[in-house]
Amino acid sequence: MLVTPERIDELSDLAATNTVEGMIAQDRQDFETACFHFSLALRPVFPEYDGERIFKAAEAYTNALFAQSKLKDDKSLSREETLHDDRWEPVRSDMLRMCDMLDMPKSYATETVEWFRYHGIRDDAYVKHLLETHRVFLKRVLGNDRFYRELSGLYLTAVALHDKHEKQMVTLGKELMRMYFGIIFREKYGPSRN
């Protein structure tokens, strides 16, 4: 499906804004709003699925985010205890459910949970898992992993900026996320896809 450059920009803006707004809603513990935003972000990435399926996938993802945040924020545990806590299993289950709904390889769930686990204890090993998450994601969405390193860097920076909870940083995070989705959607919908 060929999409005009203007429409690609619109889709990129839609996905970027809703990804960051979903993260902000999750930070505020607003489950419904987070699900809503993540479902809007997923829609142009997976146009082959109906809205109900997309929303259920967004719910599974949001459940995983809420559960991993609870673990990450539990300061009563040591880093080692956090890393090996049994409560990571529901996070994995939710990510696997999302993968099933979107026909994503199970390795996407595995790598995402590893990324969450290591990020939760502030171990830079999470970056390796973020890279692998993107490699799997892009192969599924685009059929190749051509830009997985570059896109991982944009995503990582956008997420880190939103975590600052400052208006200017959130705005910058959205701009980077627009670039991220712009690259994905140009690959997915642009003239090179013919």
N, C-alpha and C. Protein backbone atom coordinates (compact mmCIF):
# COMPACT_ATOMS: atom_id res chain seq x y z
N MET A 1 0.84 -1.17 0.00
CA MET A 1 0.00 0.00 0.00
C MET A 1 0.90 1.24 0.00
N LEU A 2 0.77 2.05 -1.02
CA LEU A 2 1.54 3.29 -1.15
C LEU A 2 0.77 4.42 -0.47
N VAL A 3 1.46 5.17 0.38
CA VAL A 3 0.85 6.27 1.12
C VAL A 3 1.63 7.53 0.79
N THR A 4 0.93 8.66 0.65
CA THR A 4 1.60 9.92 0.32
C THR A 4 2.54 10.35 1.45
N PRO A 5 3.56 11.13 1.12
CA PRO A 5 4.46 11.63 2.16
C PRO A 5 3.71 12.42 3.25
N GLU A 6 2.69 13.17 2.84
CA GLU A 6 1.91 13.95 3.81
C GLU A 6 1.20 13.01 4.79
N ARG A 7 0.64 11.93 4.26
CA ARG A 7 -0.07 10.97 5.11
C ARG A 7 0.92 10.24 6.02
N ILE A 8 2.11 9.96 5.53
CA ILE A 8 3.14 9.35 6.37
C ILE A 8 3.48 10.27 7.53
N ASP A 9 3.58 11.58 7.25
CA ASP A 9 3.84 12.55 8.33
C ASP A 9 2.70 12.55 9.35
N GLU A 10 1.46 12.48 8.87
CA GLU A 10 0.30 12.45 9.78
C GLU A 10 0.33 11.19 10.64
N LEU A 11 0.59 10.05 10.02
CA LEU A 11 0.65 8.79 10.77
C LEU A 11 1.79 8.81 11.78
N SER A 12 2.92 9.38 11.39
CA SER A 12 4.07 9.48 12.30
C SER A 12 3.74 10.35 13.50
N ASP A 13 3.07 11.47 13.24
CA ASP A 13 2.67 12.36 14.33
C ASP A 13 1.67 11.66 15.26
N LEU A 14 0.70 10.98 14.67
CA LEU A 14 -0.31 10.26 15.45
C LEU A 14 0.35 9.21 16.34
N ALA A 15 1.20 8.39 15.77
CA ALA A 15 1.85 7.32 16.53
C ALA A 15 2.79 7.88 17.59
N ALA A 16 3.55 8.91 17.24
CA ALA A 16 4.51 9.49 18.18
C ALA A 16 3.81 10.14 19.36
N THR A 17 2.84 10.99 19.06
CA THR A 17 2.13 11.69 20.13
C THR A 17 1.46 10.70 21.07
N ASN A 18 0.82 9.69 20.51
CA ASN A 18 0.10 8.74 21.35
C ASN A 18 1.02 7.79 22.10
N THR A 19 2.18 7.49 21.55
CA THR A 19 3.15 6.67 22.29
C THR A 19 3.61 7.43 23.53
N VAL A 20 4.02 8.68 23.35
CA VAL A 20 4.51 9.47 24.49
C VAL A 20 3.37 9.76 25.47
N GLU A 21 2.19 10.11 24.96
CA GLU A 21 1.06 10.37 25.86
C GLU A 21 0.66 9.10 26.62
N GLY A 22 0.79 7.94 25.99
CA GLY A 22 0.54 6.68 26.68
C GLY A 22 1.52 6.45 27.81
N MET A 23 2.79 6.79 27.58
CA MET A 23 3.80 6.66 28.62
C MET A 23 3.52 7.61 29.78
N ILE A 24 3.10 8.82 29.45
CA ILE A 24 2.78 9.80 30.49
C ILE A 24 1.58 9.32 31.30
N ALA A 25 0.55 8.81 30.63
CA ALA A 25 -0.63 8.28 31.33
C ALA A 25 -0.23 7.12 32.23
N GLN A 26 0.66 6.27 31.74
CA GLN A 26 1.12 5.15 32.56
C GLN A 26 1.87 5.66 33.79
N ASP A 27 2.69 6.68 33.62
CA ASP A 27 3.40 7.27 34.76
C ASP A 27 2.42 7.83 35.79
N ARG A 28 1.28 8.31 35.31
CA ARG A 28 0.25 8.88 36.21
C ARG A 28 -0.71 7.82 36.74
N GLN A 29 -0.43 6.57 36.41
CA GLN A 29 -1.27 5.44 36.85
C GLN A 29 -2.69 5.50 36.28
N ASP A 30 -2.83 6.02 35.08
CA ASP A 30 -4.12 6.13 34.41
C ASP A 30 -4.20 5.05 33.33
N PHE A 31 -4.67 3.88 33.74
CA PHE A 31 -4.66 2.70 32.88
C PHE A 31 -5.48 2.90 31.61
N GLU A 32 -6.71 3.38 31.75
CA GLU A 32 -7.58 3.51 30.57
C GLU A 32 -7.01 4.48 29.53
N THR A 33 -6.51 5.60 30.01
CA THR A 33 -5.95 6.59 29.08
C THR A 33 -4.70 6.03 28.40
N ALA A 34 -3.88 5.31 29.16
CA ALA A 34 -2.68 4.70 28.57
C ALA A 34 -3.08 3.70 27.48
N CYS A 35 -4.06 2.84 27.77
CA CYS A 35 -4.54 1.87 26.76
C CYS A 35 -5.03 2.58 25.51
N PHE A 36 -5.81 3.62 25.72
CA PHE A 36 -6.35 4.39 24.60
C PHE A 36 -5.23 4.92 23.71
N HIS A 37 -4.25 5.58 24.34
CA HIS A 37 -3.14 6.16 23.56
C HIS A 37 -2.31 5.09 22.86
N PHE A 38 -2.00 4.00 23.57
CA PHE A 38 -1.21 2.94 22.94
C PHE A 38 -1.96 2.29 21.78
N SER A 39 -3.28 2.17 21.91
CA SER A 39 -4.04 1.58 20.80
C SER A 39 -4.00 2.49 19.58
N LEU A 40 -4.06 3.81 19.80
CA LEU A 40 -3.96 4.74 18.67
C LEU A 40 -2.57 4.69 18.04
N ALA A 41 -1.55 4.48 18.85
CA ALA A 41 -0.18 4.38 18.32
C ALA A 41 0.02 3.09 17.53
N LEU A 42 -0.61 2.01 17.97
CA LEU A 42 -0.45 0.71 17.29
C LEU A 42 -1.21 0.62 15.97
N ARG A 43 -2.28 1.37 15.85
CA ARG A 43 -3.17 1.25 14.69
C ARG A 43 -2.44 1.40 13.34
N PRO A 44 -1.65 2.46 13.13
CA PRO A 44 -0.98 2.58 11.82
C PRO A 44 0.18 1.59 11.63
N VAL A 45 0.67 1.02 12.73
CA VAL A 45 1.74 0.04 12.63
C VAL A 45 1.19 -1.31 12.18
N PHE A 46 -0.03 -1.61 12.62
CA PHE A 46 -0.68 -2.89 12.31
C PHE A 46 -2.06 -2.64 11.67
N PRO A 47 -2.09 -2.06 10.47
CA PRO A 47 -3.37 -1.72 9.85
C PRO A 47 -4.20 -2.94 9.45
N GLU A 48 -3.58 -4.10 9.45
CA GLU A 48 -4.29 -5.32 9.04
C GLU A 48 -5.27 -5.83 10.09
N TYR A 49 -5.23 -5.25 11.30
CA TYR A 49 -6.11 -5.72 12.38
C TYR A 49 -7.19 -4.70 12.69
N ASP A 50 -8.32 -5.21 13.16
CA ASP A 50 -9.43 -4.31 13.52
C ASP A 50 -9.14 -3.62 14.86
N GLY A 51 -9.93 -2.60 15.14
CA GLY A 51 -9.73 -1.78 16.33
C GLY A 51 -9.82 -2.56 17.63
N GLU A 52 -10.72 -3.53 17.70
CA GLU A 52 -10.88 -4.31 18.93
C GLU A 52 -9.62 -5.12 19.23
N ARG A 53 -9.07 -5.74 18.21
CA ARG A 53 -7.84 -6.52 18.40
C ARG A 53 -6.68 -5.62 18.80
N ILE A 54 -6.58 -4.48 18.15
CA ILE A 54 -5.53 -3.51 18.49
C ILE A 54 -5.68 -3.07 19.95
N PHE A 55 -6.91 -2.78 20.37
CA PHE A 55 -7.13 -2.32 21.74
C PHE A 55 -6.76 -3.41 22.74
N LYS A 56 -7.10 -4.65 22.45
CA LYS A 56 -6.75 -5.76 23.36
C LYS A 56 -5.23 -5.94 23.44
N ALA A 57 -4.55 -5.75 22.32
CA ALA A 57 -3.08 -5.81 22.33
C ALA A 57 -2.52 -4.66 23.16
N ALA A 58 -3.11 -3.47 23.02
CA ALA A 58 -2.67 -2.32 23.81
C ALA A 58 -2.93 -2.55 25.30
N GLU A 59 -4.04 -3.19 25.63
CA GLU A 59 -4.33 -3.53 27.03
C GLU A 59 -3.27 -4.47 27.60
N ALA A 60 -2.91 -5.48 26.84
CA ALA A 60 -1.89 -6.43 27.30
C ALA A 60 -0.56 -5.70 27.52
N TYR A 61 -0.20 -4.83 26.58
CA TYR A 61 1.04 -4.06 26.71
C TYR A 61 0.99 -3.15 27.94
N THR A 62 -0.14 -2.48 28.13
CA THR A 62 -0.30 -1.57 29.27
C THR A 62 -0.24 -2.35 30.58
N ASN A 63 -0.88 -3.51 30.63
CA ASN A 63 -0.77 -4.37 31.83
C ASN A 63 0.69 -4.67 32.13
N ALA A 64 1.45 -5.02 31.10
CA ALA A 64 2.87 -5.33 31.29
C ALA A 64 3.62 -4.11 31.81
N LEU A 65 3.33 -2.94 31.25
CA LEU A 65 4.00 -1.71 31.70
C LEU A 65 3.69 -1.40 33.16
N PHE A 66 2.41 -1.52 33.53
CA PHE A 66 2.03 -1.24 34.92
C PHE A 66 2.71 -2.22 35.87
N ALA A 67 2.73 -3.50 35.51
CA ALA A 67 3.35 -4.50 36.38
C ALA A 67 4.86 -4.29 36.50
N GLN A 68 5.52 -3.96 35.39
CA GLN A 68 6.97 -3.75 35.47
C GLN A 68 7.30 -2.49 36.25
N SER A 69 6.45 -1.48 36.17
CA SER A 69 6.67 -0.26 36.96
C SER A 69 6.58 -0.55 38.45
N LYS A 70 5.60 -1.36 38.81
CA LYS A 70 5.43 -1.71 40.22
C LYS A 70 6.68 -2.42 40.75
N LEU A 71 7.21 -3.32 39.96
CA LEU A 71 8.43 -4.03 40.34
C LEU A 71 9.62 -3.08 40.41
N LYS A 72 9.76 -2.27 39.40
CA LYS A 72 10.89 -1.33 39.31
C LYS A 72 10.87 -0.35 40.48
N ASP A 73 9.67 0.05 40.89
CA ASP A 73 9.53 1.05 41.95
C ASP A 73 9.54 0.47 43.35
N ASP A 74 9.59 -0.85 43.48
CA ASP A 74 9.61 -1.50 44.79
C ASP A 74 11.02 -1.39 45.37
N LYS A 75 11.21 -0.42 46.22
CA LYS A 75 12.55 -0.15 46.77
C LYS A 75 12.90 -1.07 47.94
N SER A 76 11.98 -1.96 48.33
CA SER A 76 12.27 -2.88 49.43
C SER A 76 13.15 -4.05 48.97
N LEU A 77 13.30 -4.19 47.66
CA LEU A 77 14.09 -5.30 47.11
C LEU A 77 15.47 -4.83 46.67
N SER A 78 16.43 -5.74 46.78
CA SER A 78 17.75 -5.44 46.23
C SER A 78 17.68 -5.55 44.71
N ARG A 79 18.70 -5.10 44.05
CA ARG A 79 18.75 -5.20 42.58
C ARG A 79 18.62 -6.66 42.14
N GLU A 80 19.34 -7.53 42.81
CA GLU A 80 19.31 -8.96 42.48
C GLU A 80 17.92 -9.55 42.70
N GLU A 81 17.28 -9.17 43.81
CA GLU A 81 15.92 -9.66 44.08
C GLU A 81 14.94 -9.15 43.04
N THR A 82 15.08 -7.90 42.65
CA THR A 82 14.21 -7.33 41.63
C THR A 82 14.38 -8.07 40.31
N LEU A 83 15.61 -8.31 39.94
CA LEU A 83 15.91 -8.98 38.67
C LEU A 83 15.29 -10.37 38.59
N HIS A 84 15.25 -11.07 39.71
CA HIS A 84 14.79 -12.47 39.72
C HIS A 84 13.43 -12.66 40.38
N ASP A 85 12.71 -11.60 40.59
CA ASP A 85 11.40 -11.67 41.25
C ASP A 85 10.40 -12.46 40.40
N ASP A 86 9.59 -13.27 41.05
CA ASP A 86 8.57 -14.06 40.35
C ASP A 86 7.50 -13.19 39.68
N ARG A 87 7.40 -11.96 40.11
CA ARG A 87 6.38 -11.07 39.53
C ARG A 87 6.69 -10.65 38.09
N TRP A 88 7.84 -11.06 37.58
CA TRP A 88 8.12 -10.81 36.16
C TRP A 88 7.31 -11.74 35.26
N GLU A 89 6.85 -12.86 35.80
CA GLU A 89 6.08 -13.80 34.97
C GLU A 89 4.79 -13.20 34.41
N PRO A 90 4.00 -12.48 35.22
CA PRO A 90 2.81 -11.84 34.64
C PRO A 90 3.16 -10.80 33.56
N VAL A 91 4.29 -10.14 33.71
CA VAL A 91 4.75 -9.18 32.69
C VAL A 91 5.00 -9.95 31.40
N ARG A 92 5.70 -11.06 31.52
CA ARG A 92 6.00 -11.91 30.36
C ARG A 92 4.70 -12.43 29.73
N SER A 93 3.77 -12.86 30.56
CA SER A 93 2.48 -13.38 30.04
C SER A 93 1.73 -12.31 29.26
N ASP A 94 1.70 -11.10 29.80
CA ASP A 94 1.02 -10.01 29.09
C ASP A 94 1.70 -9.70 27.76
N MET A 95 3.02 -9.69 27.75
CA MET A 95 3.74 -9.42 26.51
C MET A 95 3.52 -10.55 25.50
N LEU A 96 3.47 -11.78 25.97
CA LEU A 96 3.20 -12.90 25.07
C LEU A 96 1.79 -12.81 24.50
N ARG A 97 0.85 -12.36 25.32
CA ARG A 97 -0.53 -12.18 24.85
C ARG A 97 -0.56 -11.12 23.75
N MET A 98 0.15 -10.02 23.97
CA MET A 98 0.22 -8.98 22.94
C MET A 98 0.82 -9.55 21.65
N CYS A 99 1.89 -10.32 21.78
CA CYS A 99 2.53 -10.91 20.61
C CYS A 99 1.58 -11.84 19.86
N ASP A 100 0.82 -12.63 20.60
CA ASP A 100 -0.15 -13.52 19.95
C ASP A 100 -1.18 -12.73 19.15
N MET A 101 -1.64 -11.63 19.71
CA MET A 101 -2.68 -10.83 19.04
C MET A 101 -2.16 -10.14 17.79
N LEU A 102 -0.87 -9.81 17.78
CA LEU A 102 -0.30 -9.06 16.65
C LEU A 102 0.61 -9.93 15.77
N ASP A 103 0.56 -11.23 15.97
CA ASP A 103 1.39 -12.16 15.21
C ASP A 103 2.87 -11.77 15.25
N MET A 104 3.30 -11.40 16.45
CA MET A 104 4.71 -11.06 16.66
C MET A 104 5.44 -12.31 17.17
N PRO A 105 6.70 -12.48 16.81
CA PRO A 105 7.46 -13.60 17.37
C PRO A 105 7.53 -13.50 18.90
N LYS A 106 7.53 -14.63 19.56
CA LYS A 106 7.61 -14.66 21.02
C LYS A 106 8.90 -14.02 21.53
N SER A 107 9.92 -14.01 20.70
CA SER A 107 11.18 -13.39 21.12
C SER A 107 11.00 -11.90 21.39
N TYR A 108 9.99 -11.28 20.78
CA TYR A 108 9.71 -9.87 21.08
C TYR A 108 9.33 -9.73 22.55
N ALA A 109 8.47 -10.61 23.03
CA ALA A 109 8.06 -10.58 24.44
C ALA A 109 9.26 -10.84 25.35
N THR A 110 10.04 -11.85 25.02
CA THR A 110 11.20 -12.21 25.83
C THR A 110 12.18 -11.05 25.93
N GLU A 111 12.53 -10.47 24.80
CA GLU A 111 13.50 -9.37 24.80
C GLU A 111 12.95 -8.12 25.49
N THR A 112 11.66 -7.86 25.32
CA THR A 112 11.06 -6.69 25.98
C THR A 112 11.10 -6.85 27.49
N VAL A 113 10.77 -8.03 27.98
CA VAL A 113 10.80 -8.26 29.43
C VAL A 113 12.23 -8.16 29.96
N GLU A 114 13.19 -8.68 29.22
CA GLU A 114 14.59 -8.55 29.64
C GLU A 114 15.01 -7.08 29.66
N TRP A 115 14.57 -6.33 28.67
CA TRP A 115 14.83 -4.89 28.64
C TRP A 115 14.23 -4.25 29.89
N PHE A 116 12.98 -4.54 30.21
CA PHE A 116 12.33 -3.99 31.41
C PHE A 116 13.09 -4.39 32.68
N ARG A 117 13.48 -5.66 32.77
CA ARG A 117 14.15 -6.15 33.98
C ARG A 117 15.47 -5.41 34.23
N TYR A 118 16.29 -5.33 33.20
CA TYR A 118 17.60 -4.70 33.39
C TYR A 118 17.48 -3.18 33.52
N HIS A 119 16.55 -2.59 32.83
CA HIS A 119 16.32 -1.16 32.99
C HIS A 119 15.83 -0.87 34.41
N GLY A 120 15.01 -1.77 34.94
CA GLY A 120 14.46 -1.60 36.28
C GLY A 120 15.51 -1.57 37.37
N ILE A 121 16.65 -2.22 37.14
CA ILE A 121 17.72 -2.20 38.15
C ILE A 121 18.86 -1.27 37.73
N ARG A 122 18.62 -0.49 36.69
CA ARG A 122 19.60 0.49 36.19
C ARG A 122 20.91 -0.17 35.73
N ASP A 123 20.75 -1.32 35.09
CA ASP A 123 21.90 -2.03 34.51
C ASP A 123 21.88 -1.77 33.01
N ASP A 124 22.97 -1.25 32.48
CA ASP A 124 23.01 -0.88 31.06
C ASP A 124 22.86 -2.06 30.11
N ALA A 125 22.82 -3.28 30.63
CA ALA A 125 22.56 -4.44 29.77
C ALA A 125 21.20 -4.33 29.10
N TYR A 126 20.32 -3.48 29.64
CA TYR A 126 19.00 -3.31 29.02
C TYR A 126 19.11 -2.82 27.58
N VAL A 127 20.16 -2.09 27.25
CA VAL A 127 20.30 -1.54 25.90
C VAL A 127 20.42 -2.67 24.87
N LYS A 128 21.14 -3.72 25.21
CA LYS A 128 21.26 -4.89 24.31
C LYS A 128 19.87 -5.47 24.03
N HIS A 129 19.05 -5.57 25.06
CA HIS A 129 17.71 -6.14 24.89
C HIS A 129 16.80 -5.19 24.12
N LEU A 130 16.98 -3.90 24.31
CA LEU A 130 16.22 -2.91 23.53
C LEU A 130 16.56 -3.05 22.04
N LEU A 131 17.84 -3.22 21.74
CA LEU A 131 18.27 -3.43 20.35
C LEU A 131 17.61 -4.68 19.77
N GLU A 132 17.63 -5.76 20.52
CA GLU A 132 17.05 -7.01 20.03
C GLU A 132 15.53 -6.90 19.88
N THR A 133 14.90 -6.19 20.80
CA THR A 133 13.46 -5.95 20.70
C THR A 133 13.15 -5.27 19.37
N HIS A 134 13.94 -4.27 19.03
CA HIS A 134 13.70 -3.55 17.79
C HIS A 134 14.01 -4.39 16.55
N ARG A 135 15.00 -5.22 16.65
CA ARG A 135 15.32 -6.10 15.51
C ARG A 135 14.11 -7.00 15.21
N VAL A 136 13.53 -7.60 16.24
CA VAL A 136 12.37 -8.49 16.07
C VAL A 136 11.16 -7.70 15.58
N PHE A 137 10.92 -6.55 16.21
CA PHE A 137 9.78 -5.71 15.85
C PHE A 137 9.84 -5.30 14.38
N LEU A 138 10.98 -4.82 13.94
CA LEU A 138 11.11 -4.35 12.56
C LEU A 138 11.01 -5.47 11.54
N LYS A 139 11.56 -6.63 11.87
CA LYS A 139 11.40 -7.77 10.95
C LYS A 139 9.93 -8.11 10.77
N ARG A 140 9.16 -8.01 11.86
CA ARG A 140 7.73 -8.32 11.77
C ARG A 140 6.98 -7.24 11.00
N VAL A 141 7.25 -5.98 11.31
CA VAL A 141 6.48 -4.87 10.74
C VAL A 141 6.94 -4.52 9.33
N LEU A 142 8.24 -4.59 9.07
CA LEU A 142 8.78 -4.16 7.77
C LEU A 142 9.32 -5.30 6.92
N GLY A 143 9.55 -6.43 7.53
CA GLY A 143 10.15 -7.54 6.79
C GLY A 143 11.67 -7.48 6.75
N ASN A 144 12.25 -6.47 7.43
CA ASN A 144 13.71 -6.36 7.51
C ASN A 144 14.07 -5.60 8.78
N ASP A 145 15.33 -5.68 9.16
CA ASP A 145 15.78 -4.97 10.37
C ASP A 145 16.81 -3.89 10.02
N ARG A 146 16.66 -3.35 8.84
CA ARG A 146 17.64 -2.42 8.27
C ARG A 146 18.03 -1.27 9.20
N PHE A 147 17.09 -0.70 9.90
CA PHE A 147 17.37 0.48 10.73
C PHE A 147 17.25 0.19 12.23
N TYR A 148 17.42 -1.05 12.65
CA TYR A 148 17.11 -1.35 14.05
C TYR A 148 18.00 -0.60 15.04
N ARG A 149 19.27 -0.39 14.72
CA ARG A 149 20.15 0.33 15.65
C ARG A 149 19.75 1.80 15.76
N GLU A 150 19.55 2.42 14.61
CA GLU A 150 19.18 3.84 14.59
C GLU A 150 17.84 4.06 15.29
N LEU A 151 16.88 3.20 14.98
CA LEU A 151 15.55 3.35 15.58
C LEU A 151 15.58 3.07 17.08
N SER A 152 16.39 2.12 17.50
CA SER A 152 16.53 1.84 18.93
C SER A 152 17.06 3.07 19.66
N GLY A 153 18.04 3.74 19.05
CA GLY A 153 18.60 4.95 19.66
C GLY A 153 17.58 6.06 19.78
N LEU A 154 16.80 6.27 18.73
CA LEU A 154 15.75 7.30 18.79
C LEU A 154 14.72 6.96 19.86
N TYR A 155 14.30 5.71 19.90
CA TYR A 155 13.29 5.28 20.87
C TYR A 155 13.81 5.44 22.30
N LEU A 156 15.02 4.97 22.54
CA LEU A 156 15.63 5.08 23.86
C LEU A 156 15.69 6.53 24.32
N THR A 157 16.13 7.41 23.44
CA THR A 157 16.25 8.83 23.80
C THR A 157 14.89 9.46 24.04
N ALA A 158 13.92 9.15 23.20
CA ALA A 158 12.57 9.71 23.37
C ALA A 158 11.96 9.27 24.70
N VAL A 159 12.12 7.99 25.04
CA VAL A 159 11.59 7.48 26.31
C VAL A 159 12.31 8.13 27.48
N ALA A 160 13.62 8.26 27.40
CA ALA A 160 14.39 8.87 28.48
C ALA A 160 13.98 10.33 28.68
N LEU A 161 13.72 11.05 27.60
CA LEU A 161 13.32 12.45 27.72
C LEU A 161 11.94 12.58 28.36
N HIS A 162 11.02 11.71 28.01
CA HIS A 162 9.69 11.79 28.63
C HIS A 162 9.79 11.54 30.14
N ASP A 163 10.76 10.70 30.54
CA ASP A 163 10.94 10.39 31.96
C ASP A 163 11.38 11.60 32.79
N LYS A 164 11.82 12.65 32.14
CA LYS A 164 12.23 13.86 32.86
C LYS A 164 11.02 14.63 33.40
N HIS A 165 9.84 14.38 32.82
CA HIS A 165 8.59 15.01 33.25
C HIS A 165 8.65 16.54 33.21
N GLU A 166 9.37 17.05 32.23
CA GLU A 166 9.43 18.50 32.00
C GLU A 166 8.84 18.76 30.62
N LYS A 167 8.03 19.80 30.52
CA LYS A 167 7.30 20.07 29.28
C LYS A 167 8.22 20.12 28.06
N GLN A 168 9.32 20.84 28.16
CA GLN A 168 10.25 20.97 27.04
C GLN A 168 10.85 19.62 26.65
N MET A 169 11.17 18.79 27.64
CA MET A 169 11.75 17.48 27.35
C MET A 169 10.72 16.54 26.74
N VAL A 170 9.47 16.62 27.21
CA VAL A 170 8.40 15.81 26.63
C VAL A 170 8.20 16.19 25.16
N THR A 171 8.21 17.49 24.88
CA THR A 171 8.06 17.97 23.50
C THR A 171 9.20 17.44 22.63
N LEU A 172 10.40 17.51 23.13
CA LEU A 172 11.56 16.99 22.39
C LEU A 172 11.44 15.47 22.20
N GLY A 173 10.96 14.77 23.23
CA GLY A 173 10.74 13.33 23.12
C GLY A 173 9.74 13.00 22.02
N LYS A 174 8.68 13.80 21.91
CA LYS A 174 7.69 13.58 20.85
C LYS A 174 8.31 13.82 19.47
N GLU A 175 9.16 14.84 19.37
CA GLU A 175 9.82 15.11 18.08
C GLU A 175 10.70 13.93 17.66
N LEU A 176 11.44 13.38 18.61
CA LEU A 176 12.28 12.22 18.30
C LEU A 176 11.43 11.01 17.94
N MET A 177 10.32 10.85 18.66
CA MET A 177 9.42 9.73 18.36
C MET A 177 8.79 9.90 16.98
N ARG A 178 8.55 11.16 16.55
CA ARG A 178 8.05 11.42 15.19
C ARG A 178 9.08 10.95 14.16
N MET A 179 10.35 11.26 14.42
CA MET A 179 11.40 10.79 13.51
C MET A 179 11.42 9.26 13.47
N TYR A 180 11.31 8.66 14.62
CA TYR A 180 11.29 7.19 14.75
C TYR A 180 10.19 6.59 13.88
N PHE A 181 8.96 7.05 14.09
CA PHE A 181 7.85 6.51 13.30
C PHE A 181 7.93 6.94 11.84
N GLY A 182 8.50 8.11 11.57
CA GLY A 182 8.67 8.55 10.19
C GLY A 182 9.53 7.58 9.39
N ILE A 183 10.61 7.13 10.00
CA ILE A 183 11.48 6.15 9.33
C ILE A 183 10.72 4.84 9.11
N ILE A 184 10.04 4.39 10.15
CA ILE A 184 9.29 3.12 10.03
C ILE A 184 8.23 3.23 8.94
N PHE A 185 7.45 4.31 8.95
CA PHE A 185 6.34 4.41 7.99
C PHE A 185 6.82 4.69 6.57
N ARG A 186 7.95 5.37 6.40
CA ARG A 186 8.50 5.53 5.06
C ARG A 186 8.92 4.17 4.50
N GLU A 187 9.49 3.35 5.36
CA GLU A 187 9.86 1.99 4.94
C GLU A 187 8.62 1.14 4.68
N LYS A 188 7.62 1.28 5.52
CA LYS A 188 6.42 0.44 5.42
C LYS A 188 5.51 0.86 4.28
N TYR A 189 5.32 2.17 4.11
CA TYR A 189 4.30 2.68 3.19
C TYR A 189 4.85 3.48 2.01
N GLY A 190 6.13 3.82 2.04
CA GLY A 190 6.69 4.69 1.01
C GLY A 190 6.90 4.00 -0.33
N PRO A 191 7.38 4.76 -1.33
CA PRO A 191 7.55 4.24 -2.69
C PRO A 191 8.49 3.04 -2.78
N SER A 192 9.43 2.92 -1.86
CA SER A 192 10.37 1.79 -1.92
C SER A 192 9.68 0.46 -1.65
N ARG A 193 8.43 0.48 -1.15
CA ARG A 193 7.71 -0.76 -0.83
C ARG A 193 7.04 -1.37 -2.06
N ASN A 194 7.04 -0.69 -3.19
CA ASN A 194 6.39 -1.23 -4.40
C ASN A 194 7.17 -2.36 -5.00
